[in-house]
Amino acid sequence: IISILQVARSKTLKQWKELDGKITIA
């Protein structure tokens, strides 16, 4: 799903990547 959204240049990915980073830190 994330790959498809990357190809589509979705704006939701910025929020997704931010949260992914926070989860990894936690």
PDB file of all heavy atoms in Angstrom:
ATOM      1  N   ILE A   1       0.838  -1.208   0.000  1.00  0.00           N
ATOM      2  CA  ILE A   1       0.000   0.000   0.000  1.00  0.00           C
ATOM      3  C   ILE A   1       0.868   1.251   0.000  1.00  0.00           C
ATOM      4  O   ILE A   1       0.627   2.189  -0.757  1.00  0.00           O
ATOM      5  CB  ILE A   1      -0.985  -0.019   1.191  1.00  0.00           C
ATOM      6  CG1 ILE A   1      -2.017  -1.132   0.973  1.00  0.00           C
ATOM      7  CG2 ILE A   1      -1.656   1.335   1.375  1.00  0.00           C
ATOM      8  CD1 ILE A   1      -2.928  -1.392   2.141  1.00  0.00           C
ATOM      9  N   ILE A   2       1.894   1.263   0.836  1.00  0.00           N
ATOM     10  CA  ILE A   2       2.792   2.421   0.908  1.00  0.00           C
ATOM     11  C   ILE A   2       3.511   2.607  -0.433  1.00  0.00           C
ATOM     12  O   ILE A   2       3.668   3.744  -0.911  1.00  0.00           O
ATOM     13  CB  ILE A   2       3.794   2.269   2.077  1.00  0.00           C
ATOM     14  CG1 ILE A   2       3.059   2.224   3.422  1.00  0.00           C
ATOM     15  CG2 ILE A   2       4.834   3.375   2.065  1.00  0.00           C
ATOM     16  CD1 ILE A   2       2.162   3.412   3.722  1.00  0.00           C
ATOM     17  N   SER A   3       3.926   1.521  -1.058  1.00  0.00           N
ATOM     18  CA  SER A   3       4.592   1.614  -2.370  1.00  0.00           C
ATOM     19  C   SER A   3       3.670   2.232  -3.421  1.00  0.00           C
ATOM     20  O   SER A   3       4.104   3.079  -4.213  1.00  0.00           O
ATOM     21  CB  SER A   3       5.038   0.229  -2.842  1.00  0.00           C
ATOM     22  OG  SER A   3       6.020  -0.278  -2.000  1.00  0.00           O
ATOM     23  N   ILE A   4       2.431   1.801  -3.428  1.00  0.00           N
ATOM     24  CA  ILE A   4       1.468   2.366  -4.376  1.00  0.00           C
ATOM     25  C   ILE A   4       1.300   3.857  -4.135  1.00  0.00           C
ATOM     26  O   ILE A   4       1.286   4.663  -5.080  1.00  0.00           O
ATOM     27  CB  ILE A   4       0.104   1.633  -4.280  1.00  0.00           C
ATOM     28  CG1 ILE A   4       0.256   0.189  -4.770  1.00  0.00           C
ATOM     29  CG2 ILE A   4      -0.974   2.373  -5.076  1.00  0.00           C
ATOM     30  CD1 ILE A   4      -0.932  -0.704  -4.451  1.00  0.00           C
ATOM     31  N   LEU A   5       1.211   4.231  -2.865  1.00  0.00           N
ATOM     32  CA  LEU A   5       1.050   5.655  -2.544  1.00  0.00           C
ATOM     33  C   LEU A   5       2.306   6.460  -2.868  1.00  0.00           C
ATOM     34  O   LEU A   5       2.219   7.640  -3.198  1.00  0.00           O
ATOM     35  CB  LEU A   5       0.644   5.828  -1.075  1.00  0.00           C
ATOM     36  CG  LEU A   5      -0.765   5.320  -0.725  1.00  0.00           C
ATOM     37  CD1 LEU A   5      -1.036   5.496   0.759  1.00  0.00           C
ATOM     38  CD2 LEU A   5      -1.828   6.014  -1.558  1.00  0.00           C
ATOM     39  N   GLN A   6       3.473   5.821  -2.789  1.00  0.00           N
ATOM     40  CA  GLN A   6       4.706   6.516  -3.176  1.00  0.00           C
ATOM     41  C   GLN A   6       4.703   6.800  -4.676  1.00  0.00           C
ATOM     42  O   GLN A   6       5.069   7.897  -5.099  1.00  0.00           O
ATOM     43  CB  GLN A   6       5.937   5.679  -2.803  1.00  0.00           C
ATOM     44  CG  GLN A   6       6.251   5.722  -1.336  1.00  0.00           C
ATOM     45  CD  GLN A   6       7.363   4.765  -0.939  1.00  0.00           C
ATOM     46  OE1 GLN A   6       7.579   3.738  -1.579  1.00  0.00           O
ATOM     47  NE2 GLN A   6       8.058   5.101   0.139  1.00  0.00           N
ATOM     48  N   VAL A   7       4.297   5.824  -5.440  1.00  0.00           N
ATOM     49  CA  VAL A   7       4.221   6.011  -6.890  1.00  0.00           C
ATOM     50  C   VAL A   7       3.218   7.119  -7.226  1.00  0.00           C
ATOM     51  O   VAL A   7       3.464   7.944  -8.112  1.00  0.00           O
ATOM     52  CB  VAL A   7       3.822   4.678  -7.600  1.00  0.00           C
ATOM     53  CG1 VAL A   7       3.498   4.920  -9.068  1.00  0.00           C
ATOM     54  CG2 VAL A   7       4.937   3.662  -7.451  1.00  0.00           C
ATOM     55  N   ALA A   8       2.118   7.160  -6.464  1.00  0.00           N
ATOM     56  CA  ALA A   8       1.086   8.174  -6.693  1.00  0.00           C
ATOM     57  C   ALA A   8       1.451   9.521  -6.062  1.00  0.00           C
ATOM     58  O   ALA A   8       0.697  10.483  -6.195  1.00  0.00           O
ATOM     59  CB  ALA A   8      -0.247   7.688  -6.138  1.00  0.00           C
ATOM     60  N   ARG A   9       2.596   9.557  -5.368  1.00  0.00           N
ATOM     61  CA  ARG A   9       3.066  10.779  -4.682  1.00  0.00           C
ATOM     62  C   ARG A   9       2.009  11.339  -3.719  1.00  0.00           C
ATOM     63  O   ARG A   9       1.707  12.527  -3.705  1.00  0.00           O
ATOM     64  CB  ARG A   9       3.481  11.840  -5.699  1.00  0.00           C
ATOM     65  CG  ARG A   9       4.681  11.388  -6.507  1.00  0.00           C
ATOM     66  CD  ARG A   9       5.331  12.537  -7.207  1.00  0.00           C
ATOM     67  NE  ARG A   9       6.588  12.072  -7.765  1.00  0.00           N
ATOM     68  CZ  ARG A   9       6.949  12.247  -9.015  1.00  0.00           C
ATOM     69  NH1 ARG A   9       6.163  12.894  -9.837  1.00  0.00           N
ATOM     70  NH2 ARG A   9       8.098  11.811  -9.427  1.00  0.00           N
ATOM     71  N   SER A  10       1.502  10.450  -2.901  1.00  0.00           N
ATOM     72  CA  SER A  10       0.465  10.810  -1.933  1.00  0.00           C
ATOM     73  C   SER A  10       1.032  11.709  -0.831  1.00  0.00           C
ATOM     74  O   SER A  10       2.149  11.506  -0.354  1.00  0.00           O
ATOM     75  CB  SER A  10      -0.110   9.546  -1.304  1.00  0.00           C
ATOM     76  OG  SER A  10      -0.961   9.869  -0.239  1.00  0.00           O
ATOM     77  N   LYS A  11       0.230  12.657  -0.431  1.00  0.00           N
ATOM     78  CA  LYS A  11       0.639  13.579   0.634  1.00  0.00           C
ATOM     79  C   LYS A  11       0.535  12.936   2.026  1.00  0.00           C
ATOM     80  O   LYS A  11       1.094  13.442   2.988  1.00  0.00           O
ATOM     81  CB  LYS A  11      -0.204  14.846   0.568  1.00  0.00           C
ATOM     82  CG  LYS A  11      -0.046  15.573  -0.764  1.00  0.00           C
ATOM     83  CD  LYS A  11      -0.223  17.058  -0.588  1.00  0.00           C
ATOM     84  CE  LYS A  11      -0.185  17.828  -1.883  1.00  0.00           C
ATOM     85  NZ  LYS A  11       0.952  17.606  -2.736  1.00  0.00           N
ATOM     86  N   THR A  12      -0.188  11.820   2.117  1.00  0.00           N
ATOM     87  CA  THR A  12      -0.322  11.154   3.418  1.00  0.00           C
ATOM     88  C   THR A  12       0.976  10.487   3.862  1.00  0.00           C
ATOM     89  O   THR A  12       1.150  10.195   5.038  1.00  0.00           O
ATOM     90  CB  THR A  12      -1.431  10.077   3.381  1.00  0.00           C
ATOM     91  OG1 THR A  12      -1.110   9.125   2.383  1.00  0.00           O
ATOM     92  CG2 THR A  12      -2.789  10.684   3.135  1.00  0.00           C
ATOM     93  N   LEU A  13       1.897  10.286   2.930  1.00  0.00           N
ATOM     94  CA  LEU A  13       3.141   9.576   3.265  1.00  0.00           C
ATOM     95  C   LEU A  13       4.030  10.354   4.226  1.00  0.00           C
ATOM     96  O   LEU A  13       4.765   9.758   5.007  1.00  0.00           O
ATOM     97  CB  LEU A  13       3.914   9.228   1.990  1.00  0.00           C
ATOM     98  CG  LEU A  13       3.264   8.160   1.121  1.00  0.00           C
ATOM     99  CD1 LEU A  13       4.095   7.899  -0.120  1.00  0.00           C
ATOM    100  CD2 LEU A  13       3.060   6.874   1.904  1.00  0.00           C
ATOM    101  N   LYS A  14       3.948  11.656   4.181  1.00  0.00           N
ATOM    102  CA  LYS A  14       4.761  12.466   5.108  1.00  0.00           C
ATOM    103  C   LYS A  14       4.361  12.144   6.550  1.00  0.00           C
ATOM    104  O   LYS A  14       5.221  11.903   7.401  1.00  0.00           O
ATOM    105  CB  LYS A  14       4.580  13.958   4.804  1.00  0.00           C
ATOM    106  CG  LYS A  14       5.426  14.839   5.681  1.00  0.00           C
ATOM    107  CD  LYS A  14       5.236  16.305   5.350  1.00  0.00           C
ATOM    108  CE  LYS A  14       6.062  17.158   6.290  1.00  0.00           C
ATOM    109  NZ  LYS A  14       5.764  18.572   6.184  1.00  0.00           N
ATOM    110  N   GLN A  15       3.061  12.126   6.810  1.00  0.00           N
ATOM    111  CA  GLN A  15       2.575  11.790   8.153  1.00  0.00           C
ATOM    112  C   GLN A  15       2.938  10.345   8.515  1.00  0.00           C
ATOM    113  O   GLN A  15       3.322  10.053   9.645  1.00  0.00           O
ATOM    114  CB  GLN A  15       1.056  11.944   8.228  1.00  0.00           C
ATOM    115  CG  GLN A  15       0.565  13.367   8.094  1.00  0.00           C
ATOM    116  CD  GLN A  15      -0.951  13.381   8.060  1.00  0.00           C
ATOM    117  OE1 GLN A  15      -1.577  13.007   9.040  1.00  0.00           O
ATOM    118  NE2 GLN A  15      -1.528  13.801   6.941  1.00  0.00           N
ATOM    119  N   TRP A  16       2.793   9.448   7.531  1.00  0.00           N
ATOM    120  CA  TRP A  16       3.089   8.042   7.751  1.00  0.00           C
ATOM    121  C   TRP A  16       4.552   7.848   8.159  1.00  0.00           C
ATOM    122  O   TRP A  16       4.858   7.138   9.123  1.00  0.00           O
ATOM    123  CB  TRP A  16       2.775   7.232   6.493  1.00  0.00           C
ATOM    124  CG  TRP A  16       3.107   5.788   6.639  1.00  0.00           C
ATOM    125  CD1 TRP A  16       4.191   5.143   6.137  1.00  0.00           C
ATOM    126  CD2 TRP A  16       2.375   4.816   7.383  1.00  0.00           C
ATOM    127  NE1 TRP A  16       4.164   3.824   6.499  1.00  0.00           N
ATOM    128  CE2 TRP A  16       3.059   3.597   7.273  1.00  0.00           C
ATOM    129  CE3 TRP A  16       1.202   4.854   8.126  1.00  0.00           C
ATOM    130  CZ2 TRP A  16       2.617   2.435   7.875  1.00  0.00           C
ATOM    131  CZ3 TRP A  16       0.756   3.686   8.733  1.00  0.00           C
ATOM    132  CH2 TRP A  16       1.458   2.502   8.602  1.00  0.00           C
ATOM    133  N   LYS A  17       5.457   8.464   7.414  1.00  0.00           N
ATOM    134  CA  LYS A  17       6.887   8.325   7.700  1.00  0.00           C
ATOM    135  C   LYS A  17       7.243   8.899   9.073  1.00  0.00           C
ATOM    136  O   LYS A  17       8.070   8.354   9.797  1.00  0.00           O
ATOM    137  CB  LYS A  17       7.718   8.988   6.602  1.00  0.00           C
ATOM    138  CG  LYS A  17       7.718   8.198   5.313  1.00  0.00           C
ATOM    139  CD  LYS A  17       8.500   8.884   4.218  1.00  0.00           C
ATOM    140  CE  LYS A  17       8.420   8.075   2.932  1.00  0.00           C
ATOM    141  NZ  LYS A  17       8.990   8.744   1.790  1.00  0.00           N
ATOM    142  N   GLU A  18       6.598  10.002   9.425  1.00  0.00           N
ATOM    143  CA  GLU A  18       6.829  10.622  10.732  1.00  0.00           C
ATOM    144  C   GLU A  18       6.415   9.661  11.851  1.00  0.00           C
ATOM    145  O   GLU A  18       7.156   9.453  12.816  1.00  0.00           O
ATOM    146  CB  GLU A  18       6.043  11.929  10.823  1.00  0.00           C
ATOM    147  CG  GLU A  18       6.192  12.659  12.125  1.00  0.00           C
ATOM    148  CD  GLU A  18       5.293  13.891  12.177  1.00  0.00           C
ATOM    149  OE1 GLU A  18       5.254  14.652  11.190  1.00  0.00           O
ATOM    150  OE2 GLU A  18       4.639  14.083  13.213  1.00  0.00           O
ATOM    151  N   LEU A  19       5.241   9.060  11.711  1.00  0.00           N
ATOM    152  CA  LEU A  19       4.766   8.128  12.733  1.00  0.00           C
ATOM    153  C   LEU A  19       5.597   6.850  12.761  1.00  0.00           C
ATOM    154  O   LEU A  19       5.864   6.304  13.837  1.00  0.00           O
ATOM    155  CB  LEU A  19       3.295   7.776  12.495  1.00  0.00           C
ATOM    156  CG  LEU A  19       2.300   8.875  12.854  1.00  0.00           C
ATOM    157  CD1 LEU A  19       0.887   8.432  12.526  1.00  0.00           C
ATOM    158  CD2 LEU A  19       2.402   9.251  14.318  1.00  0.00           C
ATOM    159  N   ASP A  20       6.000   6.379  11.604  1.00  0.00           N
ATOM    160  CA  ASP A  20       6.861   5.201  11.526  1.00  0.00           C
ATOM    161  C   ASP A  20       8.148   5.449  12.315  1.00  0.00           C
ATOM    162  O   ASP A  20       8.605   4.591  13.078  1.00  0.00           O
ATOM    163  CB  ASP A  20       7.166   4.884  10.061  1.00  0.00           C
ATOM    164  CG  ASP A  20       7.897   3.564   9.880  1.00  0.00           C
ATOM    165  OD1 ASP A  20       8.011   2.798  10.842  1.00  0.00           O
ATOM    166  OD2 ASP A  20       8.365   3.301   8.752  1.00  0.00           O
ATOM    167  N   GLY A  21       8.708   6.636  12.171  1.00  0.00           N
ATOM    168  CA  GLY A  21       9.908   6.999  12.918  1.00  0.00           C
ATOM    169  C   GLY A  21       9.664   7.040  14.414  1.00  0.00           C
ATOM    170  O   GLY A  21      10.490   6.555  15.207  1.00  0.00           O
ATOM    171  N   LYS A  22       8.519   7.583  14.817  1.00  0.00           N
ATOM    172  CA  LYS A  22       8.194   7.660  16.251  1.00  0.00           C
ATOM    173  C   LYS A  22       8.005   6.274  16.855  1.00  0.00           C
ATOM    174  O   LYS A  22       8.417   6.020  17.987  1.00  0.00           O
ATOM    175  CB  LYS A  22       6.940   8.508  16.467  1.00  0.00           C
ATOM    176  CG  LYS A  22       7.181   9.987  16.266  1.00  0.00           C
ATOM    177  CD  LYS A  22       5.920  10.797  16.521  1.00  0.00           C
ATOM    178  CE  LYS A  22       6.180  12.279  16.321  1.00  0.00           C
ATOM    179  NZ  LYS A  22       4.979  13.086  16.584  1.00  0.00           N
ATOM    180  N   ILE A  23       7.367   5.392  16.099  1.00  0.00           N
ATOM    181  CA  ILE A  23       7.168   4.028  16.591  1.00  0.00           C
ATOM    182  C   ILE A  23       8.513   3.323  16.736  1.00  0.00           C
ATOM    183  O   ILE A  23       8.756   2.633  17.727  1.00  0.00           O
ATOM    184  CB  ILE A  23       6.249   3.234  15.638  1.00  0.00           C
ATOM    185  CG1 ILE A  23       4.847   3.814  15.692  1.00  0.00           C
ATOM    186  CG2 ILE A  23       6.224   1.757  15.992  1.00  0.00           C
ATOM    187  CD1 ILE A  23       3.984   3.381  14.546  1.00  0.00           C
ATOM    188  N   THR A  24       9.375   3.512  15.772  1.00  0.00           N
ATOM    189  CA  THR A  24      10.703   2.893  15.829  1.00  0.00           C
ATOM    190  C   THR A  24      11.468   3.400  17.042  1.00  0.00           C
ATOM    191  O   THR A  24      12.104   2.615  17.761  1.00  0.00           O
ATOM    192  CB  THR A  24      11.485   3.187  14.528  1.00  0.00           C
ATOM    193  OG1 THR A  24      10.726   2.672  13.426  1.00  0.00           O
ATOM    194  CG2 THR A  24      12.864   2.555  14.549  1.00  0.00           C
ATOM    195  N   ILE A  25      11.391   4.691  17.307  1.00  0.00           N
ATOM    196  CA  ILE A  25      12.058   5.265  18.482  1.00  0.00           C
ATOM    197  C   ILE A  25      11.486   4.673  19.768  1.00  0.00           C
ATOM    198  O   ILE A  25      12.229   4.282  20.673  1.00  0.00           O
ATOM    199  CB  ILE A  25      11.940   6.807  18.469  1.00  0.00           C
ATOM    200  CG1 ILE A  25      12.816   7.385  17.356  1.00  0.00           C
ATOM    201  CG2 ILE A  25      12.315   7.399  19.828  1.00  0.00           C
ATOM    202  CD1 ILE A  25      12.555   8.853  17.068  1.00  0.00           C
ATOM    203  N   ALA A  26      10.166   4.596  19.852  1.00  0.00           N
ATOM    204  CA  ALA A  26       9.525   4.052  21.055  1.00  0.00           C
ATOM    205  C   ALA A  26       9.890   2.582  21.253  1.00  0.00           C
ATOM    206  O   ALA A  26      10.150   2.144  22.382  1.00  0.00           O
ATOM    207  CB  ALA A  26       8.008   4.216  20.965  1.00  0.00           C
TER     208      ALA A  26
END
